[in-house]
Amino acid sequence: SGFGGAQTRTQRGPGNPWGNADQFGSNFAGGAGRQASSKGEDVNATVAVSLEDAHAGGSVPLRLPTNKVVSVKLPEKVEDGQQIRLKGQGMPSPMGGEAGDAIVTVKFERHAKFRRDGADLRVDVPITLYEAVLGGKVRVPTLDGSAELNLPPGVNTAKALRLKGKGLHGSGDLYANLKIVLPEKGD
């Protein structure tokens, strides 16, 4: 009999006159240890990526909500809306632990020339009336520079011409919509 009863004696162990004090101390220390090593808050950010950068890969700069500027390495074949986790780039821990992460969402920018349809791209290519009637070679912009396209005589401008494998990441196609442009000061 006594304070704590038989249960206190079994938890006390040899050399511990305080009974549950070891358990209390280890719980308290463990709790404090968890707080000291608690991770900082994650932050969210959005990075605007051009189609050229998405196609080529590489890195793009981004200012995080923490005001830090980082370089975001784009994964191969990155997709619009894909999230990238940057370890340790979030808020610092208030208790001196590990910093949080930055969760970066990729957002493709609107392009001046290309319209995206999944991995396929569409582009308007101006041609002259003479090229449409007689045929010829025209330059078509691609994400890798430009390509030459052979127009057959009497080309059908109602249909887009396909350049296989010239779309986003090389897995899509590029469709060239031919637009006849008349000279401003005709003969």
C-alpha atoms as a PDB file:
ATOM      1  CA  SER A   1       0.000   0.000   0.000  1.00  0.00           C
ATOM      2  CA  GLY A   2       1.204   3.579  -0.265  1.00  0.00           C
ATOM      3  CA  PHE A   3       1.068   6.277  -2.854  1.00  0.00           C
ATOM      4  CA  GLY A   4       0.593   4.922  -6.379  1.00  0.00           C
ATOM      5  CA  GLY A   5      -0.040   1.326  -5.281  1.00  0.00           C
ATOM      6  CA  ALA A   6       1.517  -1.737  -6.942  1.00  0.00           C
ATOM      7  CA  GLN A   7       1.347  -0.190 -10.374  1.00  0.00           C
ATOM      8  CA  THR A   8       3.668   2.627  -9.292  1.00  0.00           C
ATOM      9  CA  ARG A   9       6.200   0.129  -7.931  1.00  0.00           C
ATOM     10  CA  THR A  10       6.352  -1.824 -11.170  1.00  0.00           C
ATOM     11  CA  GLN A  11       6.888   1.335 -13.248  1.00  0.00           C
ATOM     12  CA  ARG A  12       9.390   2.766 -10.776  1.00  0.00           C
ATOM     13  CA  GLY A  13      12.110   0.232 -11.469  1.00  0.00           C
ATOM     14  CA  PRO A  14      15.430   0.036  -9.628  1.00  0.00           C
ATOM     15  CA  GLY A  15      16.935   3.358  -8.599  1.00  0.00           C
ATOM     16  CA  ASN A  16      13.887   5.435  -9.475  1.00  0.00           C
ATOM     17  CA  PRO A  17      12.125   6.729  -6.378  1.00  0.00           C
ATOM     18  CA  TRP A  18       9.760   8.939  -8.432  1.00  0.00           C
ATOM     19  CA  GLY A  19       7.706   6.210 -10.040  1.00  0.00           C
ATOM     20  CA  ASN A  20       6.225   7.616 -13.264  1.00  0.00           C
ATOM     21  CA  ALA A  21       8.679  10.530 -13.376  1.00  0.00           C
ATOM     22  CA  ASP A  22      10.859   8.774 -15.973  1.00  0.00           C
ATOM     23  CA  GLN A  23       7.873   8.107 -18.172  1.00  0.00           C
ATOM     24  CA  PHE A  24       6.616  11.676 -17.631  1.00  0.00           C
ATOM     25  CA  GLY A  25      10.083  13.090 -18.310  1.00  0.00           C
ATOM     26  CA  SER A  26      10.549  11.060 -21.472  1.00  0.00           C
ATOM     27  CA  ASN A  27       7.076  12.046 -22.715  1.00  0.00           C
ATOM     28  CA  PHE A  28       7.778  15.686 -21.932  1.00  0.00           C
ATOM     29  CA  ALA A  29      11.226  15.582 -23.504  1.00  0.00           C
ATOM     30  CA  GLY A  30       9.866  13.680 -26.480  1.00  0.00           C
ATOM     31  CA  GLY A  31       7.140  16.243 -26.887  1.00  0.00           C
ATOM     32  CA  ALA A  32       9.627  19.082 -26.609  1.00  0.00           C
ATOM     33  CA  GLY A  33      11.922  17.259 -29.014  1.00  0.00           C
ATOM     34  CA  ARG A  34       9.124  16.946 -31.522  1.00  0.00           C
ATOM     35  CA  GLN A  35       8.355  20.645 -31.189  1.00  0.00           C
ATOM     36  CA  ALA A  36      12.029  21.593 -31.537  1.00  0.00           C
ATOM     37  CA  SER A  37      12.342  19.486 -34.657  1.00  0.00           C
ATOM     38  CA  SER A  38       8.885  20.311 -36.028  1.00  0.00           C
ATOM     39  CA  LYS A  39       8.938  21.144 -39.698  1.00  0.00           C
ATOM     40  CA  GLY A  40       8.122  24.635 -40.946  1.00  0.00           C
ATOM     41  CA  GLU A  41       5.021  25.388 -42.983  1.00  0.00           C
ATOM     42  CA  ASP A  42       4.883  24.442 -46.668  1.00  0.00           C
ATOM     43  CA  VAL A  43       4.333  27.307 -49.116  1.00  0.00           C
ATOM     44  CA  ASN A  44       2.505  27.253 -52.442  1.00  0.00           C
ATOM     45  CA  ALA A  45       3.655  29.051 -55.571  1.00  0.00           C
ATOM     46  CA  THR A  46       2.923  29.058 -59.288  1.00  0.00           C
ATOM     47  CA  VAL A  47       5.615  29.285 -61.945  1.00  0.00           C
ATOM     48  CA  ALA A  48       4.757  30.562 -65.423  1.00  0.00           C
ATOM     49  CA  VAL A  49       6.528  28.439 -68.044  1.00  0.00           C
ATOM     50  CA  SER A  50       6.782  29.192 -71.749  1.00  0.00           C
ATOM     51  CA  LEU A  51       6.094  26.381 -74.216  1.00  0.00           C
ATOM     52  CA  GLU A  52       9.740  26.621 -75.311  1.00  0.00           C
ATOM     53  CA  ASP A  53      10.982  26.079 -71.725  1.00  0.00           C
ATOM     54  CA  ALA A  54       8.500  23.236 -71.158  1.00  0.00           C
ATOM     55  CA  HIS A  55       9.656  21.617 -74.414  1.00  0.00           C
ATOM     56  CA  ALA A  56      13.387  22.061 -73.797  1.00  0.00           C
ATOM     57  CA  GLY A  57      13.384  21.352 -70.062  1.00  0.00           C
ATOM     58  CA  GLY A  58      15.987  23.083 -67.956  1.00  0.00           C
ATOM     59  CA  SER A  59      15.341  25.505 -65.124  1.00  0.00           C
ATOM     60  CA  VAL A  60      13.239  28.620 -64.656  1.00  0.00           C
ATOM     61  CA  PRO A  61      13.547  31.301 -61.933  1.00  0.00           C
ATOM     62  CA  LEU A  62      10.798  31.780 -59.352  1.00  0.00           C
ATOM     63  CA  ARG A  63      10.298  34.160 -56.426  1.00  0.00           C
ATOM     64  CA  LEU A  64       8.736  32.227 -53.550  1.00  0.00           C
ATOM     65  CA  PRO A  65       6.281  33.705 -50.992  1.00  0.00           C
ATOM     66  CA  THR A  66       9.270  33.716 -48.601  1.00  0.00           C
ATOM     67  CA  ASN A  67      10.851  36.308 -50.978  1.00  0.00           C
ATOM     68  CA  LYS A  68      13.623  33.888 -51.855  1.00  0.00           C
ATOM     69  CA  VAL A  69      14.427  33.496 -55.554  1.00  0.00           C
ATOM     70  CA  VAL A  70      15.067  29.889 -56.575  1.00  0.00           C
ATOM     71  CA  SER A  71      15.718  28.022 -59.784  1.00  0.00           C
ATOM     72  CA  VAL A  72      13.003  25.452 -60.511  1.00  0.00           C
ATOM     73  CA  LYS A  73      14.270  22.406 -62.437  1.00  0.00           C
ATOM     74  CA  LEU A  74      11.535  21.327 -64.825  1.00  0.00           C
ATOM     75  CA  PRO A  75      11.001  17.564 -65.065  1.00  0.00           C
ATOM     76  CA  GLU A  76      11.254  15.948 -68.474  1.00  0.00           C
ATOM     77  CA  LYS A  77       7.954  16.270 -70.366  1.00  0.00           C
ATOM     78  CA  VAL A  78       6.486  18.600 -67.731  1.00  0.00           C
ATOM     79  CA  GLU A  79       2.725  19.090 -68.013  1.00  0.00           C
ATOM     80  CA  ASP A  80       0.507  22.089 -67.407  1.00  0.00           C
ATOM     81  CA  GLY A  81      -0.773  21.943 -63.802  1.00  0.00           C
ATOM     82  CA  GLN A  82       1.958  19.530 -62.654  1.00  0.00           C
ATOM     83  CA  GLN A  83       3.272  20.114 -59.126  1.00  0.00           C
ATOM     84  CA  ILE A  84       6.939  20.110 -58.148  1.00  0.00           C
ATOM     85  CA  ARG A  85       8.079  19.829 -54.512  1.00  0.00           C
ATOM     86  CA  LEU A  86      11.158  21.844 -53.525  1.00  0.00           C
ATOM     87  CA  LYS A  87      12.446  20.344 -50.259  1.00  0.00           C
ATOM     88  CA  GLY A  88      13.378  22.813 -47.528  1.00  0.00           C
ATOM     89  CA  GLN A  89      12.306  25.921 -49.496  1.00  0.00           C
ATOM     90  CA  GLY A  90       9.213  26.675 -47.391  1.00  0.00           C
ATOM     91  CA  MET A  91       8.852  28.591 -44.133  1.00  0.00           C
ATOM     92  CA  PRO A  92      11.496  28.102 -41.454  1.00  0.00           C
ATOM     93  CA  SER A  93      10.515  26.106 -38.388  1.00  0.00           C
ATOM     94  CA  PRO A  94       9.623  28.330 -35.425  1.00  0.00           C
ATOM     95  CA  MET A  95      11.408  25.872 -33.118  1.00  0.00           C
ATOM     96  CA  GLY A  96      14.639  25.519 -35.096  1.00  0.00           C
ATOM     97  CA  GLY A  97      13.658  22.375 -36.969  1.00  0.00           C
ATOM     98  CA  GLU A  98      13.666  21.639 -40.690  1.00  0.00           C
ATOM     99  CA  ALA A  99      12.173  24.238 -43.056  1.00  0.00           C
ATOM    100  CA  GLY A 100       8.951  23.375 -44.878  1.00  0.00           C
ATOM    101  CA  ASP A 101       8.728  22.627 -48.583  1.00  0.00           C
ATOM    102  CA  ALA A 102       7.638  24.769 -51.513  1.00  0.00           C
ATOM    103  CA  ILE A 103       4.889  23.209 -53.622  1.00  0.00           C
ATOM    104  CA  VAL A 104       5.232  24.755 -57.086  1.00  0.00           C
ATOM    105  CA  THR A 105       2.453  24.434 -59.668  1.00  0.00           C
ATOM    106  CA  VAL A 106       3.510  24.716 -63.325  1.00  0.00           C
ATOM    107  CA  LYS A 107       1.310  26.954 -65.459  1.00  0.00           C
ATOM    108  CA  PHE A 108       1.955  27.135 -69.203  1.00  0.00           C
ATOM    109  CA  GLU A 109       1.962  30.676 -70.565  1.00  0.00           C
ATOM    110  CA  ARG A 110      -0.186  31.587 -73.540  1.00  0.00           C
ATOM    111  CA  HIS A 111       1.954  31.619 -76.684  1.00  0.00           C
ATOM    112  CA  ALA A 112       1.874  34.316 -79.374  1.00  0.00           C
ATOM    113  CA  LYS A 113       2.133  31.815 -82.273  1.00  0.00           C
ATOM    114  CA  PHE A 114       1.186  28.343 -81.064  1.00  0.00           C
ATOM    115  CA  ARG A 115      -2.129  27.004 -79.826  1.00  0.00           C
ATOM    116  CA  ARG A 116      -1.839  23.882 -77.713  1.00  0.00           C
ATOM    117  CA  ASP A 117      -4.104  20.839 -77.984  1.00  0.00           C
ATOM    118  CA  GLY A 118      -2.592  18.395 -75.504  1.00  0.00           C
ATOM    119  CA  ALA A 119       0.845  17.552 -76.937  1.00  0.00           C
ATOM    120  CA  ASP A 120      -0.181  18.767 -80.421  1.00  0.00           C
ATOM    121  CA  LEU A 121       0.450  22.338 -81.503  1.00  0.00           C
ATOM    122  CA  ARG A 122      -1.299  24.464 -84.129  1.00  0.00           C
ATOM    123  CA  VAL A 123       0.219  27.434 -85.905  1.00  0.00           C
ATOM    124  CA  ASP A 124      -0.964  29.793 -88.654  1.00  0.00           C
ATOM    125  CA  VAL A 125       1.456  30.033 -91.584  1.00  0.00           C
ATOM    126  CA  PRO A 126       0.980  32.929 -94.013  1.00  0.00           C
ATOM    127  CA  ILE A 127       1.531  32.048 -97.697  1.00  0.00           C
ATOM    128  CA  THR A 128       1.148  34.050-100.861  1.00  0.00           C
ATOM    129  CA  LEU A 129      -1.444  33.343-103.520  1.00  0.00           C
ATOM    130  CA  TYR A 130       1.405  32.330-105.833  1.00  0.00           C
ATOM    131  CA  GLU A 131       2.687  29.741-103.310  1.00  0.00           C
ATOM    132  CA  ALA A 132      -0.811  28.345-102.940  1.00  0.00           C
ATOM    133  CA  VAL A 133      -1.269  28.002-106.724  1.00  0.00           C
ATOM    134  CA  LEU A 134       2.253  27.077-107.852  1.00  0.00           C
ATOM    135  CA  GLY A 135       3.570  25.331-104.730  1.00  0.00           C
ATOM    136  CA  GLY A 136       6.920  26.031-103.121  1.00  0.00           C
ATOM    137  CA  LYS A 137       8.801  25.914 -99.857  1.00  0.00           C
ATOM    138  CA  VAL A 138       7.724  27.845 -96.778  1.00  0.00           C
ATOM    139  CA  ARG A 139       9.270  28.210 -93.311  1.00  0.00           C
ATOM    140  CA  VAL A 140       7.129  26.968 -90.432  1.00  0.00           C
ATOM    141  CA  PRO A 141       7.944  27.984 -86.831  1.00  0.00           C
ATOM    142  CA  THR A 142       8.418  25.096 -84.386  1.00  0.00           C
ATOM    143  CA  LEU A 143       9.492  24.906 -80.739  1.00  0.00           C
ATOM    144  CA  ASP A 144      12.933  23.826 -81.992  1.00  0.00           C
ATOM    145  CA  GLY A 145      13.373  26.760 -84.398  1.00  0.00           C
ATOM    146  CA  SER A 146      11.830  26.501 -87.836  1.00  0.00           C
ATOM    147  CA  ALA A 147      11.246  23.771 -90.394  1.00  0.00           C
ATOM    148  CA  GLU A 148      10.837  23.854 -94.134  1.00  0.00           C
ATOM    149  CA  LEU A 149       7.570  22.655 -95.585  1.00  0.00           C
ATOM    150  CA  ASN A 150       7.065  21.742 -99.248  1.00  0.00           C
ATOM    151  CA  LEU A 151       3.741  22.953-100.561  1.00  0.00           C
ATOM    152  CA  PRO A 152       2.339  21.005-103.514  1.00  0.00           C
ATOM    153  CA  PRO A 153       0.868  23.065-106.375  1.00  0.00           C
ATOM    154  CA  GLY A 154      -2.796  23.894-105.711  1.00  0.00           C
ATOM    155  CA  VAL A 155      -2.482  23.115-101.990  1.00  0.00           C
ATOM    156  CA  ASN A 156      -5.787  22.826-100.131  1.00  0.00           C
ATOM    157  CA  THR A 157      -5.717  25.640 -97.570  1.00  0.00           C
ATOM    158  CA  ALA A 158      -8.857  24.290 -95.880  1.00  0.00           C
ATOM    159  CA  LYS A 159      -6.788  21.442 -94.382  1.00  0.00           C
ATOM    160  CA  ALA A 160      -3.901  21.816 -91.954  1.00  0.00           C
ATOM    161  CA  LEU A 161      -0.594  20.230 -92.928  1.00  0.00           C
ATOM    162  CA  ARG A 162       0.924  17.958 -90.279  1.00  0.00           C
ATOM    163  CA  LEU A 163       4.573  17.968 -89.238  1.00  0.00           C
ATOM    164  CA  LYS A 164       4.947  14.687 -87.348  1.00  0.00           C
ATOM    165  CA  GLY A 165       6.802  14.794 -84.020  1.00  0.00           C
ATOM    166  CA  LYS A 166       7.141  18.602 -84.018  1.00  0.00           C
ATOM    167  CA  GLY A 167       4.661  19.159 -81.196  1.00  0.00           C
ATOM    168  CA  LEU A 168       5.279  19.541 -77.466  1.00  0.00           C
ATOM    169  CA  HIS A 169       8.036  17.270 -76.086  1.00  0.00           C
ATOM    170  CA  GLY A 170       8.419  15.696 -79.539  1.00  0.00           C
ATOM    171  CA  SER A 171       5.511  13.376 -78.746  1.00  0.00           C
ATOM    172  CA  GLY A 172       2.875  15.549 -80.378  1.00  0.00           C
ATOM    173  CA  ASP A 173       2.508  16.842 -83.915  1.00  0.00           C
ATOM    174  CA  LEU A 174       2.503  20.364 -85.313  1.00  0.00           C
ATOM    175  CA  TYR A 175      -0.417  21.346 -87.553  1.00  0.00           C
ATOM    176  CA  ALA A 176       0.252  24.239 -89.939  1.00  0.00           C
ATOM    177  CA  ASN A 177      -2.892  26.139 -90.917  1.00  0.00           C
ATOM    178  CA  LEU A 178      -2.133  27.812 -94.247  1.00  0.00           C
ATOM    179  CA  LYS A 179      -3.484  31.362 -94.570  1.00  0.00           C
ATOM    180  CA  ILE A 180      -3.316  33.077 -97.942  1.00  0.00           C
ATOM    181  CA  VAL A 181      -2.104  36.652 -97.562  1.00  0.00           C
ATOM    182  CA  LEU A 182      -2.568  39.010-100.491  1.00  0.00           C
ATOM    183  CA  PRO A 183       0.017  41.728-101.060  1.00  0.00           C
ATOM    184  CA  GLU A 184      -0.966  45.118 -99.596  1.00  0.00           C
ATOM    185  CA  LYS A 185      -0.394  46.911-102.930  1.00  0.00           C
ATOM    186  CA  GLY A 186      -1.442  44.402-105.565  1.00  0.00           C
ATOM    187  CA  ASP A 187      -0.600  44.645-109.260  1.00  0.00           C
END
